[in-house]
């Protein structure tokens, strides 16, 4: 899955009409709320990963990405989360 944005404008793909302002506002607010939840979850996950790094935890050799259903973006997300878990918090 790949997500592309073209500014903050939202257009209904395949339809002849534009999305009304109320819908745009609601969707933008929902995205902002989801972004805040994602950021909090990534921070918490990174904290936990750093705690686990202090003890030796062996990963299975043939472990697949937990995010493989996202395609190539999933493996990129998996690597990014692993890097975040090894960095010192800022």
Protein backbone atom coordinates (compact mmCIF):
# COMPACT_ATOMS: atom_id res chain seq x y z
CA UNK A 1 0.00 0.00 0.00
CA UNK A 2 1.31 3.39 -0.88
CA UNK A 3 -0.14 6.71 0.18
CA UNK A 4 0.35 9.88 -1.82
CA UNK A 5 -0.90 13.33 -0.93
CA UNK A 6 -1.19 16.39 -3.11
CA UNK A 7 -1.34 19.29 -0.63
CA UNK A 8 -4.19 19.23 1.86
CA UNK A 9 -6.83 19.20 -0.85
CA UNK A 10 -9.00 16.12 -0.97
CA UNK A 11 -10.65 15.06 -4.18
CA UNK A 12 -13.04 12.19 -4.56
CA UNK A 13 -11.33 9.87 -7.03
CA UNK A 14 -13.56 8.68 -9.80
CA UNK A 15 -16.45 11.02 -9.00
CA UNK A 16 -17.54 14.23 -10.59
CA UNK A 17 -18.08 16.16 -7.37
CA UNK A 18 -15.79 17.61 -4.76
CA UNK A 19 -16.07 16.64 -1.12
CA UNK A 20 -18.03 19.21 0.89
CA UNK A 21 -16.28 21.38 3.50
CA UNK A 22 -17.94 19.64 6.46
CA UNK A 23 -16.68 16.27 5.29
CA UNK A 24 -13.21 17.70 4.66
CA UNK A 25 -13.06 19.21 8.13
CA UNK A 26 -14.22 15.97 9.73
CA UNK A 27 -11.73 13.87 7.77
CA UNK A 28 -8.85 16.23 8.50
CA UNK A 29 -9.71 16.15 12.21
CA UNK A 30 -9.88 12.37 12.17
CA UNK A 31 -6.47 12.21 10.48
CA UNK A 32 -5.01 14.57 13.09
CA UNK A 33 -6.41 12.38 15.89
CA UNK A 34 -5.08 9.20 14.26
CA UNK A 35 -1.66 10.82 13.77
CA UNK A 36 -1.55 11.67 17.49
CA UNK A 37 -2.45 8.07 18.39
CA UNK A 38 0.17 6.70 15.99
CA UNK A 39 2.84 9.01 17.37
CA UNK A 40 2.03 8.01 20.96
CA UNK A 41 2.09 4.33 20.02
CA UNK A 42 5.43 4.65 18.19
CA UNK A 43 6.95 6.47 21.16
CA UNK A 44 5.70 3.79 23.56
CA UNK A 45 6.90 1.00 21.27
CA UNK A 46 10.34 2.63 21.03
CA UNK A 47 10.54 2.91 24.82
CA UNK A 48 9.69 -0.77 25.20
CA UNK A 49 12.17 -1.80 22.50
CA UNK A 50 14.95 0.17 24.23
CA UNK A 51 14.07 -1.57 27.51
CA UNK A 52 14.22 -4.97 25.81
CA UNK A 53 17.56 -4.08 24.21
CA UNK A 54 19.07 -4.03 27.71
CA UNK A 55 18.44 -7.77 27.94
CA UNK A 56 19.33 -10.14 25.17
CA UNK A 57 16.21 -11.22 23.35
CA UNK A 58 16.72 -13.46 20.36
CA UNK A 59 14.47 -12.95 17.39
CA UNK A 60 13.48 -16.02 15.40
CA UNK A 61 15.68 -16.46 12.32
CA UNK A 62 12.80 -16.79 9.89
CA UNK A 63 10.62 -14.09 11.41
CA UNK A 64 8.56 -12.26 8.83
CA UNK A 65 7.58 -8.64 9.11
CA UNK A 66 4.51 -7.96 11.20
CA UNK A 67 3.59 -5.42 8.56
CA UNK A 68 3.96 -7.58 5.44
CA UNK A 69 0.35 -6.97 4.46
CA UNK A 70 1.45 -3.39 3.62
CA UNK A 71 3.79 -4.71 0.91
CA UNK A 72 7.17 -3.01 0.48
CA UNK A 73 6.01 -0.15 2.69
CA UNK A 74 5.49 -2.68 5.48
CA UNK A 75 9.10 -3.82 5.44
CA UNK A 76 10.22 -0.17 5.39
CA UNK A 77 7.97 0.55 8.39
CA UNK A 78 9.37 -2.50 10.18
CA UNK A 79 12.97 -1.30 9.65
CA UNK A 80 12.10 2.25 10.71
CA UNK A 81 10.51 1.05 13.94
CA UNK A 82 13.53 -1.15 14.65
CA UNK A 83 15.86 1.85 14.20
CA UNK A 84 13.70 4.00 16.48
CA UNK A 85 13.91 1.31 19.12
CA UNK A 86 17.70 1.46 19.14
CA UNK A 87 18.11 5.25 19.25
CA UNK A 88 18.36 7.32 22.39
CA UNK A 89 15.24 9.40 23.03
CA UNK A 90 15.64 13.08 22.28
